[in-house]
PDB file of N, CA and C in Angstrom:
ATOM      1  N   MET A   1     -49.945  45.902  18.822  1.00  0.00           N
ATOM      2  CA  MET A   1     -50.307  46.172  20.228  1.00  0.00           C
ATOM      3  C   MET A   1     -51.488  46.900  20.268  1.00  0.00           C
ATOM      4  N   GLU A   2     -52.405  47.072  21.321  1.00  0.00           N
ATOM      5  CA  GLU A   2     -53.517  47.941  21.386  1.00  0.00           C
ATOM      6  C   GLU A   2     -53.183  49.060  22.272  1.00  0.00           C
ATOM      7  N   VAL A   3     -53.918  50.305  21.982  1.00  0.00           N
ATOM      8  CA  VAL A   3     -53.755  51.418  22.795  1.00  0.00           C
ATOM      9  C   VAL A   3     -53.839  51.082  24.216  1.00  0.00           C
ATOM     10  N   ASN A   4     -54.849  50.298  24.658  1.00  0.00           N
ATOM     11  CA  ASN A   4     -55.155  49.934  26.148  1.00  0.00           C
ATOM     12  C   ASN A   4     -53.896  49.375  26.845  1.00  0.00           C
ATOM     13  N   ARG A   5     -53.155  48.559  26.110  1.00  0.00           N
ATOM     14  CA  ARG A   5     -52.052  47.863  26.625  1.00  0.00           C
ATOM     15  C   ARG A   5     -50.960  48.759  26.903  1.00  0.00           C
ATOM     16  N   ILE A   6     -50.753  49.896  25.811  1.00  0.00           N
ATOM     17  CA  ILE A   6     -49.982  50.836  26.054  1.00  0.00           C
ATOM     18  C   ILE A   6     -50.321  51.659  27.237  1.00  0.00           C
ATOM     19  N   TYR A   7     -51.442  52.048  27.349  1.00  0.00           N
ATOM     20  CA  TYR A   7     -51.676  52.864  28.710  1.00  0.00           C
ATOM     21  C   TYR A   7     -51.288  52.145  29.839  1.00  0.00           C
ATOM     22  N   SER A   8     -51.574  50.870  29.886  1.00  0.00           N
ATOM     23  CA  SER A   8     -51.402  49.908  30.907  1.00  0.00           C
ATOM     24  C   SER A   8     -49.815  49.821  31.287  1.00  0.00           C
ATOM     25  N   ILE A   9     -48.981  49.931  30.259  1.00  0.00           N
ATOM     26  CA  ILE A   9     -47.558  49.883  30.373  1.00  0.00           C
ATOM     27  C   ILE A   9     -47.052  51.071  30.946  1.00  0.00           C
ATOM     28  N   LEU A  10     -47.396  52.240  30.447  1.00  0.00           N
ATOM     29  CA  LEU A  10     -47.174  53.576  30.689  1.00  0.00           C
ATOM     30  C   LEU A  10     -47.465  53.947  32.229  1.00  0.00           C
ATOM     31  N   ASN A  11     -48.562  53.405  32.737  1.00  0.00           N
ATOM     32  CA  ASN A  11     -48.962  53.589  33.917  1.00  0.00           C
ATOM     33  C   ASN A  11     -48.605  52.551  35.044  1.00  0.00           C
ATOM     34  N   ASN A  12     -47.551  51.763  34.723  1.00  0.00           N
ATOM     35  CA  ASN A  12     -47.117  50.758  35.525  1.00  0.00           C
ATOM     36  C   ASN A  12     -45.529  51.026  35.865  1.00  0.00           C
ATOM     37  N   ASP A  13     -45.183  50.732  37.124  1.00  0.00           N
ATOM     38  CA  ASP A  13     -43.821  50.801  37.444  1.00  0.00           C
ATOM     39  C   ASP A  13     -42.974  49.719  37.056  1.00  0.00           C
ATOM     40  N   LYS A  14     -43.476  48.572  36.709  1.00  0.00           N
ATOM     41  CA  LYS A  14     -42.728  47.501  36.046  1.00  0.00           C
ATOM     42  C   LYS A  14     -42.149  47.734  34.810  1.00  0.00           C
ATOM     43  N   LYS A  15     -40.975  47.110  34.493  1.00  0.00           N
ATOM     44  CA  LYS A  15     -40.476  47.081  33.124  1.00  0.00           C
ATOM     45  C   LYS A  15     -41.058  46.264  32.167  1.00  0.00           C
ATOM     46  N   PHE A  16     -41.240  46.473  30.953  1.00  0.00           N
ATOM     47  CA  PHE A  16     -41.910  45.861  29.913  1.00  0.00           C
ATOM     48  C   PHE A  16     -41.026  45.928  28.635  1.00  0.00           C
ATOM     49  N   ASP A  17     -40.786  44.693  28.035  1.00  0.00           N
ATOM     50  CA  ASP A  17     -39.901  44.706  27.047  1.00  0.00           C
ATOM     51  C   ASP A  17     -40.894  44.966  25.705  1.00  0.00           C
ATOM     52  N   VAL A  18     -40.860  46.200  24.978  1.00  0.00           N
ATOM     53  CA  VAL A  18     -41.586  46.651  23.801  1.00  0.00           C
ATOM     54  C   VAL A  18     -40.767  46.573  22.728  1.00  0.00           C
ATOM     55  N   PHE A  19     -41.085  46.133  21.658  1.00  0.00           N
ATOM     56  CA  PHE A  19     -40.168  46.038  20.380  1.00  0.00           C
ATOM     57  C   PHE A  19     -40.914  46.769  19.093  1.00  0.00           C
ATOM     58  N   TYR A  20     -40.070  47.268  18.283  1.00  0.00           N
ATOM     59  CA  TYR A  20     -40.500  47.592  16.911  1.00  0.00           C
ATOM     60  C   TYR A  20     -39.548  47.040  15.987  1.00  0.00           C
ATOM     61  N   GLU A  21     -39.955  46.389  15.055  1.00  0.00           N
ATOM     62  CA  GLU A  21     -39.253  45.699  13.955  1.00  0.00           C
ATOM     63  C   GLU A  21     -37.846  45.022  14.527  1.00  0.00           C
ATOM     64  N   ASP A  22     -38.127  44.236  15.662  1.00  0.00           N
ATOM     65  CA  ASP A  22     -37.223  43.537  16.345  1.00  0.00           C
ATOM     66  C   ASP A  22     -36.104  44.424  17.097  1.00  0.00           C
ATOM     67  N   ARG A  23     -36.309  45.546  17.376  1.00  0.00           N
ATOM     68  CA  ARG A  23     -35.482  46.454  18.105  1.00  0.00           C
ATOM     69  C   ARG A  23     -36.277  47.007  19.388  1.00  0.00           C
ATOM     70  N   PRO A  24     -35.528  46.725  20.593  1.00  0.00           N
ATOM     71  CA  PRO A  24     -36.307  47.273  21.676  1.00  0.00           C
ATOM     72  C   PRO A  24     -36.540  48.748  21.790  1.00  0.00           C
ATOM     73  N   VAL A  25     -37.631  49.308  22.229  1.00  0.00           N
ATOM     74  CA  VAL A  25     -37.969  50.660  22.216  1.00  0.00           C
ATOM     75  C   VAL A  25     -38.553  51.005  23.553  1.00  0.00           C
ATOM     76  N   TRP A  26     -38.591  52.297  23.844  1.00  0.00           N
ATOM     77  CA  TRP A  26     -39.463  52.783  24.966  1.00  0.00           C
ATOM     78  C   TRP A  26     -40.353  53.732  24.356  1.00  0.00           C
ATOM     79  N   ILE A  27     -41.799  53.687  25.011  1.00  0.00           N
ATOM     80  CA  ILE A  27     -42.758  54.405  24.278  1.00  0.00           C
ATOM     81  C   ILE A  27     -42.710  55.781  25.159  1.00  0.00           C
ATOM     82  N   GLN A  28     -42.571  56.786  24.341  1.00  0.00           N
ATOM     83  CA  GLN A  28     -42.234  58.346  24.862  1.00  0.00           C
ATOM     84  C   GLN A  28     -43.823  59.089  25.239  1.00  0.00           C
ATOM     85  N   GLU A  29     -44.638  58.787  23.978  1.00  0.00           N
ATOM     86  CA  GLU A  29     -45.986  59.265  24.108  1.00  0.00           C
ATOM     87  C   GLU A  29     -46.767  58.826  22.933  1.00  0.00           C
ATOM     88  N   ILE A  30     -48.100  58.786  23.128  1.00  0.00           N
ATOM     89  CA  ILE A  30     -49.053  58.337  22.133  1.00  0.00           C
ATOM     90  C   ILE A  30     -49.874  59.352  21.585  1.00  0.00           C
ATOM     91  N   ASN A  31     -50.372  59.447  20.312  1.00  0.00           N
ATOM     92  CA  ASN A  31     -51.167  60.470  19.821  1.00  0.00           C
ATOM     93  C   ASN A  31     -52.142  59.759  18.871  1.00  0.00           C
ATOM     94  N   GLY A  32     -53.195  59.397  19.190  1.00  0.00           N
ATOM     95  CA  GLY A  32     -54.037  58.652  18.236  1.00  0.00           C
ATOM     96  C   GLY A  32     -53.594  57.279  17.963  1.00  0.00           C
ATOM     97  N   SER A  33     -53.293  57.024  16.921  1.00  0.00           N
ATOM     98  CA  SER A  33     -52.865  55.711  16.392  1.00  0.00           C
ATOM     99  C   SER A  33     -51.500  55.414  16.356  1.00  0.00           C
ATOM    100  N   MET A  34     -50.721  56.603  16.555  1.00  0.00           N
ATOM    101  CA  MET A  34     -49.283  56.672  16.375  1.00  0.00           C
ATOM    102  C   MET A  34     -48.872  56.826  18.071  1.00  0.00           C
ATOM    103  N   ALA A  35     -47.583  56.282  17.913  1.00  0.00           N
ATOM    104  CA  ALA A  35     -46.756  56.442  19.179  1.00  0.00           C
ATOM    105  C   ALA A  35     -45.379  56.871  18.766  1.00  0.00           C
ATOM    106  N   LYS A  36     -44.657  57.779  19.603  1.00  0.00           N
ATOM    107  CA  LYS A  36     -43.322  58.261  19.579  1.00  0.00           C
ATOM    108  C   LYS A  36     -42.568  57.277  20.305  1.00  0.00           C
ATOM    109  N   VAL A  37     -41.470  56.644  19.594  1.00  0.00           N
ATOM    110  CA  VAL A  37     -40.576  55.717  20.558  1.00  0.00           C
ATOM    111  C   VAL A  37     -39.368  56.060  20.365  1.00  0.00           C
ATOM    112  N   GLY A  38     -38.427  55.514  21.409  1.00  0.00           N
ATOM    113  CA  GLY A  38     -37.129  55.959  21.451  1.00  0.00           C
ATOM    114  C   GLY A  38     -36.404  54.504  21.226  1.00  0.00           C
ATOM    115  N   PHE A  39     -35.360  54.334  20.505  1.00  0.00           N
ATOM    116  CA  PHE A  39     -34.782  53.053  20.330  1.00  0.00           C
ATOM    117  C   PHE A  39     -33.895  52.936  21.556  1.00  0.00           C
ATOM    118  N   VAL A  40     -33.618  51.909  22.232  1.00  0.00           N
ATOM    119  CA  VAL A  40     -32.930  51.545  23.419  1.00  0.00           C
ATOM    120  C   VAL A  40     -31.364  51.455  22.784  1.00  0.00           C
ATOM    121  N   ASP A  41     -31.223  50.957  21.641  1.00  0.00           N
ATOM    122  CA  ASP A  41     -29.829  50.796  21.098  1.00  0.00           C
ATOM    123  C   ASP A  41     -29.044  51.991  20.601  1.00  0.00           C
ATOM    124  N   ASN A  42     -29.852  53.127  20.533  1.00  0.00           N
ATOM    125  CA  ASN A  42     -29.265  54.374  20.029  1.00  0.00           C
ATOM    126  C   ASN A  42     -30.011  55.549  20.284  1.00  0.00           C
ATOM    127  N   PHE A  43     -29.792  56.705  19.749  1.00  0.00           N
ATOM    128  CA  PHE A  43     -30.342  57.801  20.311  1.00  0.00           C
ATOM    129  C   PHE A  43     -31.636  58.090  19.320  1.00  0.00           C
ATOM    130  N   GLU A  44     -31.885  57.256  18.349  1.00  0.00           N
ATOM    131  CA  GLU A  44     -33.145  57.574  17.372  1.00  0.00           C
ATOM    132  C   GLU A  44     -34.410  57.676  18.020  1.00  0.00           C
ATOM    133  N   GLU A  45     -35.290  58.465  17.358  1.00  0.00           N
ATOM    134  CA  GLU A  45     -36.695  58.506  17.711  1.00  0.00           C
ATOM    135  C   GLU A  45     -37.420  58.394  16.570  1.00  0.00           C
ATOM    136  N   LYS A  46     -38.647  57.820  16.824  1.00  0.00           N
ATOM    137  CA  LYS A  46     -39.671  57.655  15.419  1.00  0.00           C
ATOM    138  C   LYS A  46     -40.957  57.540  15.974  1.00  0.00           C
ATOM    139  N   ASP A  47     -41.872  58.215  14.986  1.00  0.00           N
ATOM    140  CA  ASP A  47     -43.195  57.953  15.126  1.00  0.00           C
ATOM    141  C   ASP A  47     -43.556  56.672  14.427  1.00  0.00           C
ATOM    142  N   VAL A  48     -44.396  55.846  15.058  1.00  0.00           N
ATOM    143  CA  VAL A  48     -44.606  54.499  14.569  1.00  0.00           C
ATOM    144  C   VAL A  48     -46.290  54.113  14.797  1.00  0.00           C
ATOM    145  N   PHE A  49     -46.806  53.370  14.088  1.00  0.00           N
ATOM    146  CA  PHE A  49     -47.892  52.945  14.294  1.00  0.00           C
ATOM    147  C   PHE A  49     -48.097  52.136  15.523  1.00  0.00           C
ATOM    148  N   ILE A  50     -49.042  52.246  16.386  1.00  0.00           N
ATOM    149  CA  ILE A  50     -49.226  51.491  17.508  1.00  0.00           C
ATOM    150  C   ILE A  50     -49.503  49.905  17.271  1.00  0.00           C
ATOM    151  N   LYS A  51     -50.033  49.775  16.231  1.00  0.00           N
ATOM    152  CA  LYS A  51     -50.342  48.259  15.967  1.00  0.00           C
ATOM    153  C   LYS A  51     -48.958  47.527  15.590  1.00  0.00           C
ATOM    154  N   ASP A  52     -47.907  48.238  15.137  1.00  0.00           N
ATOM    155  CA  ASP A  52     -46.592  47.585  14.792  1.00  0.00           C
ATOM    156  C   ASP A  52     -45.725  47.508  15.895  1.00  0.00           C
ATOM    157  N   LEU A  53     -46.215  47.845  17.280  1.00  0.00           N
ATOM    158  CA  LEU A  53     -45.450  47.627  18.383  1.00  0.00           C
ATOM    159  C   LEU A  53     -45.872  46.216  18.983  1.00  0.00           C
ATOM    160  N   TYR A  54     -44.825  45.491  19.546  1.00  0.00           N
ATOM    161  CA  TYR A  54     -45.239  44.205  20.087  1.00  0.00           C
ATOM    162  C   TYR A  54     -44.505  43.854  21.348  1.00  0.00           C
ATOM    163  N   GLU A  55     -44.943  42.932  22.223  1.00  0.00           N
ATOM    164  CA  GLU A  55     -44.137  42.450  23.178  1.00  0.00           C
ATOM    165  C   GLU A  55     -43.759  41.176  22.891  1.00  0.00           C
ATOM    166  N   ARG A  56     -42.491  40.637  23.415  1.00  0.00           N
ATOM    167  CA  ARG A  56     -42.094  39.298  23.128  1.00  0.00           C
ATOM    168  C   ARG A  56     -42.500  38.488  24.107  1.00  0.00           C
ATOM    169  N   SER A  57     -42.923  37.239  23.893  1.00  0.00           N
ATOM    170  CA  SER A  57     -43.384  36.439  24.887  1.00  0.00           C
ATOM    171  C   SER A  57     -41.933  35.555  25.312  1.00  0.00           C
ATOM    172  N   LEU A  58     -41.986  35.103  26.469  1.00  0.00           N
ATOM    173  CA  LEU A  58     -40.781  34.560  27.085  1.00  0.00           C
ATOM    174  C   LEU A  58     -40.868  33.051  26.730  1.00  0.00           C
TER     175      LEU A  58
END
């Protein structure tokens, strides 16, 4: 995923399905090429590379 797309998601009221390693996440913040994400399926948080985040096509 690209940084511009993340800013677009964060500044939008609509819900977007974002994934990291096949797990749904929400983006908490971005810092350079990293994003802090929270996993939807538990309380885990992790710093990941933005390039490793993706949206699933329907």
